[in-house]
Amino acid sequence: MALFKSSKSIIRDIDEYINKVDQGGLHFKKGVIDFLDGRVDDFKSVLISISKEEGKADTLRRKIENELYLHSLLPEHRGDVMRLLEKIDDIIDMMKENLYQFEIEDPFVPEEIHDDIKRLADLSISAVEELLPAVRVYFTDPVAVKDRLHRVYFYEKETDKLALDIKRKIFKGIPNLLLSQKIHLRYFTLHIENVSDAAETVADILSIMAIKRIQ
């Protein structure tokens, strides 16, 4: 049974909120690629775009939370839904902050790992992209949530594996790097990896929420 069958506006707002996070993921992947390929102007445009999406997502989240209280919607599930939205907001915040760290710190990334870093960003965002349909379906068909979440966990594990390979390559496979450069690259690898970890955290929360609704 749909949670918001009497309120089309809040359904629309939640869908739009999820769209903003999804768009943020697309900007993140493009931003990493633009940075590595040296497209400075394109990268700066991505920073502006992801900042706008993050700001719009924040506004929508606050609007949804206000509607939940003002219209006394979901008295039994309201706390869970608000926590879910906040944790999803952490994901787009993280993506935006990670790109700004690239812009501020301007890390030196050797050509040997350019493709690996691009692939890492793609895998990490894939975990987010698989999470968002599961969030949508929670509000209409909680039974179907579990079937959609296994792909989130798959991409999170694949991201972890690749991140480990990249770190190993940084410290053992590129001898001319300074230790400070190796540590810097490990730091950026970790931050890209953390996006998929944040998606996994939301998947865990969503899984429990779906079980509670089914019971």
Protein backbone atom coordinates (compact mmCIF):
# COMPACT_ATOMS: atom_id res chain seq x y z
CA MET A 1 0.00 0.00 0.00
CA ALA A 2 1.30 3.46 -0.86
CA LEU A 3 2.25 5.59 2.13
CA PHE A 4 1.06 8.86 0.61
CA LYS A 5 -2.07 7.88 -1.27
CA SER A 6 -3.82 11.07 -0.10
CA SER A 7 -1.02 13.50 -0.88
CA LYS A 8 0.17 13.86 -4.47
CA SER A 9 2.33 16.88 -3.64
CA ILE A 10 4.59 15.06 -1.21
CA ILE A 11 5.00 12.15 -3.63
CA ARG A 12 6.03 14.66 -6.29
CA ASP A 13 8.48 16.34 -3.91
CA ILE A 14 10.09 13.04 -2.92
CA ASP A 15 10.47 12.05 -6.56
CA GLU A 16 12.04 15.40 -7.35
CA TYR A 17 14.35 15.10 -4.35
CA ILE A 18 15.56 11.71 -5.56
CA ASN A 19 16.03 13.16 -9.05
CA LYS A 20 18.33 15.86 -7.65
CA VAL A 21 20.50 13.27 -5.93
CA ASP A 22 20.59 11.19 -9.11
CA GLN A 23 21.62 14.25 -11.12
CA GLY A 24 24.29 14.96 -8.54
CA GLY A 25 25.76 11.53 -9.20
CA LEU A 26 25.96 12.23 -12.93
CA HIS A 27 27.73 15.52 -12.24
CA PHE A 28 30.15 13.77 -9.89
CA LYS A 29 31.21 11.21 -12.50
CA LYS A 30 31.60 13.90 -15.14
CA GLY A 31 33.54 16.10 -12.75
CA VAL A 32 36.09 13.39 -11.98
CA ILE A 33 36.56 12.68 -15.69
CA ASP A 34 36.86 16.39 -16.57
CA PHE A 35 39.45 16.90 -13.82
CA LEU A 36 41.57 13.96 -14.93
CA ASP A 37 41.35 14.95 -18.59
CA GLY A 38 42.39 18.52 -17.81
CA ARG A 39 39.15 20.17 -18.95
CA VAL A 40 39.34 23.01 -16.45
CA ASP A 41 36.36 25.03 -17.68
CA ASP A 42 34.13 21.96 -17.89
CA PHE A 43 35.17 20.94 -14.39
CA LYS A 44 34.31 24.39 -13.02
CA SER A 45 30.90 24.18 -14.71
CA VAL A 46 30.30 20.84 -13.02
CA LEU A 47 31.13 22.37 -9.63
CA ILE A 48 28.49 25.03 -10.20
CA SER A 49 25.94 22.47 -11.37
CA ILE A 50 26.41 20.05 -8.47
CA SER A 51 26.25 22.93 -5.98
CA LYS A 52 22.91 23.99 -7.45
CA GLU A 53 21.54 20.42 -7.32
CA GLU A 54 22.70 20.03 -3.72
CA GLY A 55 21.06 23.31 -2.75
CA LYS A 56 17.78 22.34 -4.42
CA ALA A 57 17.90 18.93 -2.73
CA ASP A 58 18.33 20.59 0.67
CA THR A 59 15.36 22.86 0.02
CA LEU A 60 13.17 19.94 -1.05
CA ARG A 61 14.19 17.85 1.96
CA ARG A 62 13.20 20.62 4.36
CA LYS A 63 9.91 21.10 2.50
CA ILE A 64 9.12 17.38 2.75
CA GLU A 65 9.94 17.34 6.44
CA ASN A 66 7.66 20.33 7.03
CA GLU A 67 4.84 18.64 5.13
CA LEU A 68 5.23 15.50 7.22
CA TYR A 69 4.68 17.53 10.39
CA LEU A 70 2.14 20.07 9.18
CA HIS A 71 -0.20 17.46 7.71
CA SER A 72 0.46 14.82 10.38
CA LEU A 73 1.54 12.33 7.73
CA LEU A 74 3.10 9.00 8.65
CA PRO A 75 2.94 9.26 12.44
CA GLU A 76 4.34 5.72 12.72
CA HIS A 77 6.98 6.06 10.00
CA ARG A 78 7.81 9.76 10.05
CA GLY A 79 11.02 9.44 12.06
CA ASP A 80 12.32 6.70 9.78
CA VAL A 81 11.47 8.64 6.62
CA MET A 82 13.17 11.78 7.89
CA ARG A 83 16.29 9.84 8.84
CA LEU A 84 16.28 8.22 5.41
CA LEU A 85 16.07 11.58 3.66
CA GLU A 86 18.87 13.00 5.80
CA LYS A 87 21.16 10.07 5.02
CA ILE A 88 20.43 10.42 1.31
CA ASP A 89 21.26 14.11 1.66
CA ASP A 90 24.64 13.06 3.08
CA ILE A 91 25.38 11.36 -0.25
CA ILE A 92 24.93 14.43 -2.43
CA ASP A 93 26.75 16.55 0.16
CA MET A 94 29.66 14.12 -0.01
CA MET A 95 29.77 14.16 -3.80
CA LYS A 96 29.82 17.95 -3.86
CA GLU A 97 32.50 18.23 -1.17
CA ASN A 98 34.68 15.63 -2.89
CA LEU A 99 34.67 17.57 -6.14
CA TYR A 100 35.53 20.76 -4.30
CA GLN A 101 38.48 18.98 -2.70
CA PHE A 102 39.75 18.18 -6.19
CA GLU A 103 39.43 21.86 -7.09
CA ILE A 104 41.06 23.15 -3.90
CA GLU A 105 43.90 20.62 -3.50
CA ASP A 106 44.51 19.91 -7.20
CA PRO A 107 46.10 16.48 -6.66
CA PHE A 108 48.69 15.14 -9.06
CA VAL A 109 47.22 11.97 -10.58
CA PRO A 110 49.64 9.90 -12.68
CA GLU A 111 48.45 8.76 -16.10
CA GLU A 112 48.91 5.15 -14.95
CA ILE A 113 45.84 5.35 -12.74
CA HIS A 114 43.58 7.75 -14.68
CA ASP A 115 41.41 4.94 -16.04
CA ASP A 116 41.30 3.27 -12.63
CA ILE A 117 40.10 6.44 -10.92
CA LYS A 118 37.45 7.01 -13.60
CA ARG A 119 36.28 3.42 -13.17
CA LEU A 120 36.25 3.87 -9.39
CA ALA A 121 33.99 6.91 -9.67
CA ASP A 122 31.70 5.02 -12.05
CA LEU A 123 31.39 2.02 -9.70
CA SER A 124 30.86 4.18 -6.64
CA ILE A 125 28.09 6.19 -8.31
CA SER A 126 26.56 2.97 -9.65
CA ALA A 127 25.85 2.02 -6.03
CA VAL A 128 23.95 5.30 -5.65
CA GLU A 129 22.13 4.85 -8.94
CA GLU A 130 20.91 1.40 -7.85
CA LEU A 131 19.87 2.71 -4.45
CA LEU A 132 17.54 5.45 -5.66
CA PRO A 133 14.95 3.20 -7.41
CA ALA A 134 14.77 1.17 -4.19
CA VAL A 135 14.00 4.36 -2.27
CA ARG A 136 11.22 5.21 -4.71
CA VAL A 137 9.65 1.76 -4.50
CA TYR A 138 9.67 1.82 -0.69
CA PHE A 139 6.80 4.30 -0.73
CA THR A 140 4.62 2.21 -3.05
CA ASP A 141 5.68 -1.43 -2.73
CA PRO A 142 7.97 -2.18 0.26
CA VAL A 143 8.01 -5.89 -0.57
CA ALA A 144 10.01 -5.10 -3.72
CA VAL A 145 12.73 -3.17 -1.87
CA LYS A 146 14.89 -6.17 -1.00
CA ASP A 147 15.11 -7.34 -4.62
CA ARG A 148 16.51 -3.96 -5.67
CA LEU A 149 19.08 -3.51 -2.91
CA HIS A 150 21.34 -6.44 -3.79
CA ARG A 151 22.79 -4.41 -6.66
CA VAL A 152 23.76 -1.63 -4.24
CA TYR A 153 25.77 -4.10 -2.18
CA PHE A 154 27.34 -5.57 -5.32
CA TYR A 155 28.63 -2.21 -6.54
CA GLU A 156 29.80 -1.22 -3.07
CA LYS A 157 31.93 -4.38 -2.86
CA GLU A 158 33.27 -3.87 -6.38
CA THR A 159 34.19 -0.30 -5.45
CA ASP A 160 36.06 -1.52 -2.38
CA LYS A 161 37.98 -4.07 -4.44
CA LEU A 162 39.04 -1.55 -7.05
CA ALA A 163 39.97 1.04 -4.43
CA LEU A 164 42.24 -1.51 -2.77
CA ASP A 165 43.88 -2.29 -6.11
CA ILE A 166 44.41 1.42 -6.78
CA LYS A 167 45.98 1.98 -3.36
CA ARG A 168 48.25 -1.01 -3.90
CA LYS A 169 49.27 0.36 -7.30
CA ILE A 170 49.91 3.82 -5.82
CA PHE A 171 52.23 2.53 -3.09
CA LYS A 172 53.85 -0.42 -4.87
CA GLY A 173 53.48 0.08 -8.62
CA ILE A 174 54.50 3.70 -9.30
CA PRO A 175 58.05 4.05 -7.90
CA ASN A 176 58.66 7.69 -8.86
CA LEU A 177 55.90 9.10 -6.65
CA LEU A 178 56.86 10.92 -3.48
CA LEU A 179 55.39 9.54 -0.26
CA SER A 180 53.40 12.75 0.16
CA GLN A 181 51.89 12.26 -3.31
CA LYS A 182 51.04 8.63 -2.51
CA ILE A 183 49.26 9.66 0.67
CA HIS A 184 47.42 12.41 -1.20
CA LEU A 185 46.22 9.96 -3.84
CA ARG A 186 45.14 7.46 -1.20
CA TYR A 187 43.09 10.23 0.39
CA PHE A 188 41.25 11.00 -2.85
CA THR A 189 40.73 7.32 -3.62
CA LEU A 190 39.18 6.89 -0.20
CA HIS A 191 36.82 9.81 -0.68
CA ILE A 192 35.52 8.47 -4.00
CA GLU A 193 35.12 5.06 -2.39
CA ASN A 194 33.18 6.59 0.51
CA VAL A 195 30.31 7.57 -1.78
CA SER A 196 29.44 3.90 -2.28
CA ASP A 197 29.81 3.32 1.46
CA ALA A 198 27.24 6.06 2.06
CA ALA A 199 24.89 4.35 -0.41
CA GLU A 200 25.37 1.08 1.47
CA THR A 201 24.47 2.81 4.74
CA VAL A 202 21.22 4.08 3.25
CA ALA A 203 20.51 0.61 1.81
CA ASP A 204 20.84 -0.89 5.30
CA ILE A 205 18.42 1.68 6.72
CA LEU A 206 15.98 1.18 3.86
CA SER A 207 16.05 -2.59 4.26
CA ILE A 208 15.03 -2.32 7.90
CA MET A 209 12.34 0.24 7.10
CA ALA A 210 10.86 -2.05 4.46
CA ILE A 211 10.75 -4.98 6.89
CA LYS A 212 8.96 -2.82 9.47
CA ARG A 213 6.33 -1.83 6.91
CA ILE A 214 5.75 -5.38 5.76
CA GLN A 215 5.27 -6.73 9.27
